[in-house]
Amino acid sequence: MSRPQRLTFDEFRHRLAQLLDLPEESLLRDTRLLEDLALDSIGLLELAAQLEAEAISLPEDMAWDVKTVGDVYQLLGGPERYARG
């Protein structure tokens, strides 16, 4: 049995851009969710729900600690945990 391929940050960013309906170029590792993308607590919940729909889970105890796009990617485990769907 082969191991699933892991998403790179660019692949993750592409999927996130689709979910948020934003230009991919606007999503850098240091793009801030609140200040740059205007994702408040409701927006974060909606993002978590969209990720769940893609079979990607944010650990609940850590989800409120994310501040940037890079934080979300690392929280998901980066290339070590985030497998292609």
PDB file of N, CA and C in Angstrom:
ATOM      1  N   MET A   1       0.844  -1.180   0.000  1.00  0.00           N
ATOM      2  CA  MET A   1       0.000   0.000   0.000  1.00  0.00           C
ATOM      3  C   MET A   1       0.887   1.240   0.000  1.00  0.00           C
ATOM      4  N   SER A   2       0.654   2.149  -0.924  1.00  0.00           N
ATOM      5  CA  SER A   2       1.476   3.350  -0.990  1.00  0.00           C
ATOM      6  C   SER A   2       0.920   4.437  -0.085  1.00  0.00           C
ATOM      7  N   ARG A   3       1.819   5.297   0.374  1.00  0.00           N
ATOM      8  CA  ARG A   3       1.419   6.418   1.226  1.00  0.00           C
ATOM      9  C   ARG A   3       0.800   7.498   0.351  1.00  0.00           C
ATOM     10  N   PRO A   4      -0.218   8.204   0.874  1.00  0.00           N
ATOM     11  CA  PRO A   4      -0.809   9.275   0.067  1.00  0.00           C
ATOM     12  C   PRO A   4       0.176  10.412  -0.131  1.00  0.00           C
ATOM     13  N   GLN A   5       0.071  11.068  -1.282  1.00  0.00           N
ATOM     14  CA  GLN A   5       0.909  12.243  -1.522  1.00  0.00           C
ATOM     15  C   GLN A   5       0.451  13.363  -0.606  1.00  0.00           C
ATOM     16  N   ARG A   6       1.373  14.202  -0.210  1.00  0.00           N
ATOM     17  CA  ARG A   6       1.071  15.320   0.675  1.00  0.00           C
ATOM     18  C   ARG A   6       1.014  16.619  -0.127  1.00  0.00           C
ATOM     19  N   LEU A   7       0.183  17.521   0.332  1.00  0.00           N
ATOM     20  CA  LEU A   7       0.085  18.810  -0.342  1.00  0.00           C
ATOM     21  C   LEU A   7       1.231  19.714   0.053  1.00  0.00           C
ATOM     22  N   THR A   8       1.767  20.393  -0.916  1.00  0.00           N
ATOM     23  CA  THR A   8       2.736  21.446  -0.646  1.00  0.00           C
ATOM     24  C   THR A   8       1.957  22.675  -0.188  1.00  0.00           C
ATOM     25  N   PHE A   9       2.669  23.693   0.277  1.00  0.00           N
ATOM     26  CA  PHE A   9       1.987  24.927   0.657  1.00  0.00           C
ATOM     27  C   PHE A   9       1.258  25.528  -0.538  1.00  0.00           C
ATOM     28  N   ASP A  10       1.870  25.494  -1.711  1.00  0.00           N
ATOM     29  CA  ASP A  10       1.227  26.062  -2.902  1.00  0.00           C
ATOM     30  C   ASP A  10      -0.062  25.329  -3.256  1.00  0.00           C
ATOM     31  N   GLU A  11      -0.069  24.012  -3.119  1.00  0.00           N
ATOM     32  CA  GLU A  11      -1.287  23.247  -3.377  1.00  0.00           C
ATOM     33  C   GLU A  11      -2.360  23.566  -2.331  1.00  0.00           C
ATOM     34  N   PHE A  12      -1.938  23.668  -1.065  1.00  0.00           N
ATOM     35  CA  PHE A  12      -2.857  24.048   0.009  1.00  0.00           C
ATOM     36  C   PHE A  12      -3.428  25.439  -0.256  1.00  0.00           C
ATOM     37  N   ARG A  13      -2.560  26.368  -0.632  1.00  0.00           N
ATOM     38  CA  ARG A  13      -2.971  27.743  -0.898  1.00  0.00           C
ATOM     39  C   ARG A  13      -3.983  27.783  -2.042  1.00  0.00           C
ATOM     40  N   HIS A  14      -3.771  26.971  -3.066  1.00  0.00           N
ATOM     41  CA  HIS A  14      -4.697  26.905  -4.194  1.00  0.00           C
ATOM     42  C   HIS A  14      -6.082  26.463  -3.718  1.00  0.00           C
ATOM     43  N   ARG A  15      -6.132  25.418  -2.906  1.00  0.00           N
ATOM     44  CA  ARG A  15      -7.421  24.923  -2.398  1.00  0.00           C
ATOM     45  C   ARG A  15      -8.071  25.948  -1.480  1.00  0.00           C
ATOM     46  N   LEU A  16      -7.274  26.595  -0.648  1.00  0.00           N
ATOM     47  CA  LEU A  16      -7.803  27.610   0.257  1.00  0.00           C
ATOM     48  C   LEU A  16      -8.355  28.795  -0.531  1.00  0.00           C
ATOM     49  N   ALA A  17      -7.672  29.206  -1.576  1.00  0.00           N
ATOM     50  CA  ALA A  17      -8.151  30.298  -2.419  1.00  0.00           C
ATOM     51  C   ALA A  17      -9.498  29.957  -3.036  1.00  0.00           C
ATOM     52  N   GLN A  18      -9.660  28.712  -3.456  1.00  0.00           N
ATOM     53  CA  GLN A  18     -10.940  28.278  -4.005  1.00  0.00           C
ATOM     54  C   GLN A  18     -12.030  28.335  -2.936  1.00  0.00           C
ATOM     55  N   LEU A  19     -11.723  27.864  -1.735  1.00  0.00           N
ATOM     56  CA  LEU A  19     -12.710  27.870  -0.650  1.00  0.00           C
ATOM     57  C   LEU A  19     -13.126  29.280  -0.255  1.00  0.00           C
ATOM     58  N   LEU A  20     -12.170  30.191  -0.226  1.00  0.00           N
ATOM     59  CA  LEU A  20     -12.444  31.557   0.204  1.00  0.00           C
ATOM     60  C   LEU A  20     -12.827  32.478  -0.954  1.00  0.00           C
ATOM     61  N   ASP A  21     -12.771  31.953  -2.184  1.00  0.00           N
ATOM     62  CA  ASP A  21     -13.062  32.730  -3.380  1.00  0.00           C
ATOM     63  C   ASP A  21     -12.193  33.987  -3.436  1.00  0.00           C
ATOM     64  N   LEU A  22     -10.889  33.757  -3.277  1.00  0.00           N
ATOM     65  CA  LEU A  22      -9.899  34.834  -3.300  1.00  0.00           C
ATOM     66  C   LEU A  22      -8.812  34.506  -4.317  1.00  0.00           C
ATOM     67  N   PRO A  23      -8.112  35.520  -4.804  1.00  0.00           N
ATOM     68  CA  PRO A  23      -6.978  35.231  -5.684  1.00  0.00           C
ATOM     69  C   PRO A  23      -5.890  34.492  -4.904  1.00  0.00           C
ATOM     70  N   GLU A  24      -5.371  33.467  -5.509  1.00  0.00           N
ATOM     71  CA  GLU A  24      -4.336  32.659  -4.862  1.00  0.00           C
ATOM     72  C   GLU A  24      -3.145  33.508  -4.422  1.00  0.00           C
ATOM     73  N   GLU A  25      -2.803  34.514  -5.227  1.00  0.00           N
ATOM     74  CA  GLU A  25      -1.656  35.359  -4.938  1.00  0.00           C
ATOM     75  C   GLU A  25      -1.823  36.151  -3.635  1.00  0.00           C
ATOM     76  N   SER A  26      -3.055  36.311  -3.180  1.00  0.00           N
ATOM     77  CA  SER A  26      -3.299  37.072  -1.951  1.00  0.00           C
ATOM     78  C   SER A  26      -3.081  36.233  -0.695  1.00  0.00           C
ATOM     79  N   LEU A  27      -2.845  34.939  -0.863  1.00  0.00           N
ATOM     80  CA  LEU A  27      -2.679  34.045   0.279  1.00  0.00           C
ATOM     81  C   LEU A  27      -1.209  33.632   0.423  1.00  0.00           C
ATOM     82  N   LEU A  28      -0.498  34.383   1.228  1.00  0.00           N
ATOM     83  CA  LEU A  28       0.898  34.074   1.537  1.00  0.00           C
ATOM     84  C   LEU A  28       0.951  33.471   2.935  1.00  0.00           C
ATOM     85  N   ARG A  29       2.081  32.898   3.290  1.00  0.00           N
ATOM     86  CA  ARG A  29       2.204  32.310   4.635  1.00  0.00           C
ATOM     87  C   ARG A  29       1.920  33.318   5.735  1.00  0.00           C
ATOM     88  N   ASP A  30       2.315  34.577   5.519  1.00  0.00           N
ATOM     89  CA  ASP A  30       2.133  35.581   6.562  1.00  0.00           C
ATOM     90  C   ASP A  30       0.863  36.420   6.388  1.00  0.00           C
ATOM     91  N   THR A  31      -0.020  36.026   5.467  1.00  0.00           N
ATOM     92  CA  THR A  31      -1.301  36.718   5.318  1.00  0.00           C
ATOM     93  C   THR A  31      -2.123  36.475   6.579  1.00  0.00           C
ATOM     94  N   ARG A  32      -2.529  37.577   7.213  1.00  0.00           N
ATOM     95  CA  ARG A  32      -3.267  37.489   8.478  1.00  0.00           C
ATOM     96  C   ARG A  32      -4.749  37.268   8.210  1.00  0.00           C
ATOM     97  N   LEU A  33      -5.318  36.313   8.935  1.00  0.00           N
ATOM     98  CA  LEU A  33      -6.714  35.959   8.717  1.00  0.00           C
ATOM     99  C   LEU A  33      -7.652  37.096   9.085  1.00  0.00           C
ATOM    100  N   LEU A  34      -7.419  37.743  10.209  1.00  0.00           N
ATOM    101  CA  LEU A  34      -8.295  38.815  10.668  1.00  0.00           C
ATOM    102  C   LEU A  34      -8.025  40.117   9.925  1.00  0.00           C
ATOM    103  N   GLU A  35      -6.805  40.592   9.992  1.00  0.00           N
ATOM    104  CA  GLU A  35      -6.486  41.906   9.442  1.00  0.00           C
ATOM    105  C   GLU A  35      -6.495  41.953   7.913  1.00  0.00           C
ATOM    106  N   ASP A  36      -5.950  40.920   7.268  1.00  0.00           N
ATOM    107  CA  ASP A  36      -5.818  40.945   5.811  1.00  0.00           C
ATOM    108  C   ASP A  36      -7.016  40.333   5.079  1.00  0.00           C
ATOM    109  N   LEU A  37      -7.609  39.294   5.666  1.00  0.00           N
ATOM    110  CA  LEU A  37      -8.711  38.598   4.996  1.00  0.00           C
ATOM    111  C   LEU A  37     -10.066  38.890   5.632  1.00  0.00           C
ATOM    112  N   ALA A  38     -10.063  39.656   6.730  1.00  0.00           N
ATOM    113  CA  ALA A  38     -11.295  40.012   7.446  1.00  0.00           C
ATOM    114  C   ALA A  38     -12.075  38.779   7.905  1.00  0.00           C
ATOM    115  N   LEU A  39     -11.356  37.716   8.299  1.00  0.00           N
ATOM    116  CA  LEU A  39     -12.009  36.524   8.845  1.00  0.00           C
ATOM    117  C   LEU A  39     -12.108  36.679  10.356  1.00  0.00           C
ATOM    118  N   ASP A  40     -13.292  37.016  10.836  1.00  0.00           N
ATOM    119  CA  ASP A  40     -13.510  37.104  12.275  1.00  0.00           C
ATOM    120  C   ASP A  40     -13.848  35.714  12.803  1.00  0.00           C
ATOM    121  N   SER A  41     -14.361  35.618  14.009  1.00  0.00           N
ATOM    122  CA  SER A  41     -14.657  34.301  14.589  1.00  0.00           C
ATOM    123  C   SER A  41     -15.699  33.550  13.756  1.00  0.00           C
ATOM    124  N   ILE A  42     -16.677  34.263  13.227  1.00  0.00           N
ATOM    125  CA  ILE A  42     -17.670  33.624  12.358  1.00  0.00           C
ATOM    126  C   ILE A  42     -17.001  33.142  11.074  1.00  0.00           C
ATOM    127  N   GLY A  43     -16.138  33.963  10.510  1.00  0.00           N
ATOM    128  CA  GLY A  43     -15.408  33.578   9.304  1.00  0.00           C
ATOM    129  C   GLY A  43     -14.530  32.364   9.527  1.00  0.00           C
ATOM    130  N   LEU A  44     -13.896  32.310  10.716  1.00  0.00           N
ATOM    131  CA  LEU A  44     -13.084  31.132  11.040  1.00  0.00           C
ATOM    132  C   LEU A  44     -13.941  29.884  11.150  1.00  0.00           C
ATOM    133  N   LEU A  45     -15.117  30.014  11.749  1.00  0.00           N
ATOM    134  CA  LEU A  45     -16.030  28.869  11.842  1.00  0.00           C
ATOM    135  C   LEU A  45     -16.471  28.412  10.461  1.00  0.00           C
ATOM    136  N   GLU A  46     -16.754  29.371   9.595  1.00  0.00           N
ATOM    137  CA  GLU A  46     -17.144  29.026   8.226  1.00  0.00           C
ATOM    138  C   GLU A  46     -15.996  28.353   7.489  1.00  0.00           C
ATOM    139  N   LEU A  47     -14.785  28.857   7.686  1.00  0.00           N
ATOM    140  CA  LEU A  47     -13.621  28.233   7.061  1.00  0.00           C
ATOM    141  C   LEU A  47     -13.444  26.813   7.568  1.00  0.00           C
ATOM    142  N   ALA A  48     -13.570  26.627   8.888  1.00  0.00           N
ATOM    143  CA  ALA A  48     -13.447  25.284   9.459  1.00  0.00           C
ATOM    144  C   ALA A  48     -14.505  24.352   8.866  1.00  0.00           C
ATOM    145  N   ALA A  49     -15.736  24.854   8.694  1.00  0.00           N
ATOM    146  CA  ALA A  49     -16.808  24.037   8.113  1.00  0.00           C
ATOM    147  C   ALA A  49     -16.483  23.681   6.659  1.00  0.00           C
ATOM    148  N   GLN A  50     -15.940  24.642   5.905  1.00  0.00           N
ATOM    149  CA  GLN A  50     -15.572  24.366   4.520  1.00  0.00           C
ATOM    150  C   GLN A  50     -14.442  23.339   4.447  1.00  0.00           C
ATOM    151  N   LEU A  51     -13.479  23.462   5.352  1.00  0.00           N
ATOM    152  CA  LEU A  51     -12.388  22.486   5.385  1.00  0.00           C
ATOM    153  C   LEU A  51     -12.916  21.104   5.757  1.00  0.00           C
ATOM    154  N   GLU A  52     -13.858  21.056   6.714  1.00  0.00           N
ATOM    155  CA  GLU A  52     -14.472  19.780   7.088  1.00  0.00           C
ATOM    156  C   GLU A  52     -15.162  19.137   5.887  1.00  0.00           C
ATOM    157  N   ALA A  53     -15.827  19.954   5.067  1.00  0.00           N
ATOM    158  CA  ALA A  53     -16.501  19.443   3.877  1.00  0.00           C
ATOM    159  C   ALA A  53     -15.503  18.828   2.902  1.00  0.00           C
ATOM    160  N   GLU A  54     -14.245  19.260   2.988  1.00  0.00           N
ATOM    161  CA  GLU A  54     -13.178  18.706   2.153  1.00  0.00           C
ATOM    162  C   GLU A  54     -12.439  17.589   2.891  1.00  0.00           C
ATOM    163  N   ALA A  55     -13.009  17.142   4.013  1.00  0.00           N
ATOM    164  CA  ALA A  55     -12.418  16.089   4.844  1.00  0.00           C
ATOM    165  C   ALA A  55     -11.091  16.520   5.460  1.00  0.00           C
ATOM    166  N   ILE A  56     -11.003  17.800   5.837  1.00  0.00           N
ATOM    167  CA  ILE A  56      -9.813  18.344   6.487  1.00  0.00           C
ATOM    168  C   ILE A  56     -10.253  18.887   7.833  1.00  0.00           C
ATOM    169  N   SER A  57      -9.707  18.373   8.907  1.00  0.00           N
ATOM    170  CA  SER A  57     -10.124  18.794  10.237  1.00  0.00           C
ATOM    171  C   SER A  57      -9.097  19.696  10.897  1.00  0.00           C
ATOM    172  N   LEU A  58      -9.577  20.796  11.454  1.00  0.00           N
ATOM    173  CA  LEU A  58      -8.745  21.649  12.305  1.00  0.00           C
ATOM    174  C   LEU A  58      -8.932  21.163  13.736  1.00  0.00           C
ATOM    175  N   PRO A  59      -7.874  20.866  14.464  1.00  0.00           N
ATOM    176  CA  PRO A  59      -8.030  20.476  15.862  1.00  0.00           C
ATOM    177  C   PRO A  59      -8.713  21.601  16.636  1.00  0.00           C
ATOM    178  N   GLU A  60      -9.846  21.289  17.270  1.00  0.00           N
ATOM    179  CA  GLU A  60     -10.651  22.314  17.927  1.00  0.00           C
ATOM    180  C   GLU A  60      -9.894  23.094  18.987  1.00  0.00           C
ATOM    181  N   ASP A  61      -9.045  22.425  19.757  1.00  0.00           N
ATOM    182  CA  ASP A  61      -8.344  23.107  20.839  1.00  0.00           C
ATOM    183  C   ASP A  61      -7.293  24.091  20.337  1.00  0.00           C
ATOM    184  N   MET A  62      -6.927  24.004  19.065  1.00  0.00           N
ATOM    185  CA  MET A  62      -5.900  24.881  18.520  1.00  0.00           C
ATOM    186  C   MET A  62      -6.436  25.828  17.458  1.00  0.00           C
ATOM    187  N   ALA A  63      -7.644  25.617  16.998  1.00  0.00           N
ATOM    188  CA  ALA A  63      -8.180  26.382  15.877  1.00  0.00           C
ATOM    189  C   ALA A  63      -8.239  27.879  16.164  1.00  0.00           C
ATOM    190  N   TRP A  64      -8.429  28.273  17.408  1.00  0.00           N
ATOM    191  CA  TRP A  64      -8.547  29.701  17.728  1.00  0.00           C
ATOM    192  C   TRP A  64      -7.188  30.374  17.845  1.00  0.00           C
ATOM    193  N   ASP A  65      -6.117  29.606  17.814  1.00  0.00           N
ATOM    194  CA  ASP A  65      -4.775  30.170  17.920  1.00  0.00           C
ATOM    195  C   ASP A  65      -4.180  30.569  16.578  1.00  0.00           C
ATOM    196  N   VAL A  66      -4.839  30.205  15.500  1.00  0.00           N
ATOM    197  CA  VAL A  66      -4.285  30.519  14.182  1.00  0.00           C
ATOM    198  C   VAL A  66      -4.460  31.992  13.870  1.00  0.00           C
ATOM    199  N   LYS A  67      -3.413  32.588  13.350  1.00  0.00           N
ATOM    200  CA  LYS A  67      -3.439  34.016  13.012  1.00  0.00           C
ATOM    201  C   LYS A  67      -3.179  34.254  11.528  1.00  0.00           C
ATOM    202  N   THR A  68      -2.463  33.326  10.883  1.00  0.00           N
ATOM    203  CA  THR A  68      -2.074  33.521   9.489  1.00  0.00           C
ATOM    204  C   THR A  68      -2.409  32.285   8.654  1.00  0.00           C
ATOM    205  N   VAL A  69      -2.326  32.444   7.345  1.00  0.00           N
ATOM    206  CA  VAL A  69      -2.522  31.315   6.436  1.00  0.00           C
ATOM    207  C   VAL A  69      -1.479  30.232   6.736  1.00  0.00           C
ATOM    208  N   GLY A  70      -0.243  30.651   7.012  1.00  0.00           N
ATOM    209  CA  GLY A  70       0.812  29.690   7.357  1.00  0.00           C
ATOM    210  C   GLY A  70       0.494  28.935   8.635  1.00  0.00           C
ATOM    211  N   ASP A  71      -0.140  29.603   9.598  1.00  0.00           N
ATOM    212  CA  ASP A  71      -0.554  28.923  10.837  1.00  0.00           C
ATOM    213  C   ASP A  71      -1.551  27.810  10.538  1.00  0.00           C
ATOM    214  N   VAL A  72      -2.510  28.099   9.649  1.00  0.00           N
ATOM    215  CA  VAL A  72      -3.506  27.084   9.288  1.00  0.00           C
ATOM    216  C   VAL A  72      -2.807  25.892   8.658  1.00  0.00           C
ATOM    217  N   TYR A  73      -1.892  26.161   7.746  1.00  0.00           N
ATOM    218  CA  TYR A  73      -1.159  25.088   7.060  1.00  0.00           C
ATOM    219  C   TYR A  73      -0.366  24.252   8.068  1.00  0.00           C
ATOM    220  N   GLN A  74       0.321  24.914   8.997  1.00  0.00           N
ATOM    221  CA  GLN A  74       1.098  24.184  10.001  1.00  0.00           C
ATOM    222  C   GLN A  74       0.198  23.431  10.965  1.00  0.00           C
ATOM    223  N   LEU A  75      -0.936  24.032  11.329  1.00  0.00           N
ATOM    224  CA  LEU A  75      -1.881  23.375  12.227  1.00  0.00           C
ATOM    225  C   LEU A  75      -2.396  22.089  11.609  1.00  0.00           C
ATOM    226  N   LEU A  76      -2.581  22.122  10.308  1.00  0.00           N
ATOM    227  CA  LEU A  76      -3.025  20.923   9.610  1.00  0.00           C
ATOM    228  C   LEU A  76      -1.882  19.926   9.440  1.00  0.00           C
ATOM    229  N   GLY A  77      -0.695  20.318   9.836  1.00  0.00           N
ATOM    230  CA  GLY A  77       0.445  19.437   9.763  1.00  0.00           C
ATOM    231  C   GLY A  77       1.314  19.664   8.556  1.00  0.00           C
ATOM    232  N   GLY A  78       1.023  20.708   7.795  1.00  0.00           N
ATOM    233  CA  GLY A  78       1.821  20.976   6.618  1.00  0.00           C
ATOM    234  C   GLY A  78       1.893  19.748   5.732  1.00  0.00           C
ATOM    235  N   PRO A  79       2.997  19.531   5.089  1.00  0.00           N
ATOM    236  CA  PRO A  79       3.100  18.402   4.172  1.00  0.00           C
ATOM    237  C   PRO A  79       3.099  17.067   4.891  1.00  0.00           C
ATOM    238  N   GLU A  80       3.300  17.069   6.221  1.00  0.00           N
ATOM    239  CA  GLU A  80       3.329  15.801   6.948  1.00  0.00           C
ATOM    240  C   GLU A  80       1.945  15.227   7.191  1.00  0.00           C
ATOM    241  N   ARG A  81       0.914  16.094   7.310  1.00  0.00           N
ATOM    242  CA  ARG A  81      -0.411  15.590   7.659  1.00  0.00           C
ATOM    243  C   ARG A  81      -1.480  15.863   6.630  1.00  0.00           C
ATOM    244  N   TYR A  82      -1.316  16.842   5.773  1.00  0.00           N
ATOM    245  CA  TYR A  82      -2.389  17.287   4.891  1.00  0.00           C
ATOM    246  C   TYR A  82      -2.330  16.519   3.578  1.00  0.00           C
ATOM    247  N   ALA A  83      -3.129  15.478   3.460  1.00  0.00           N
ATOM    248  CA  ALA A  83      -3.100  14.626   2.275  1.00  0.00           C
ATOM    249  C   ALA A  83      -4.084  15.114   1.232  1.00  0.00           C
ATOM    250  N   ARG A  84      -3.799  14.783  -0.015  1.00  0.00           N
ATOM    251  CA  ARG A  84      -4.742  15.100  -1.092  1.00  0.00           C
ATOM    252  C   ARG A  84      -6.003  14.306  -0.870  1.00  0.00           C
ATOM    253  N   GLY A  85      -7.134  14.955  -1.209  1.00  0.00           N
ATOM    254  CA  GLY A  85      -8.443  14.312  -1.057  1.00  0.00           C
ATOM    255  C   GLY A  85      -8.745  13.356  -2.163  1.00  0.00           C
TER     256      GLY A  85
END
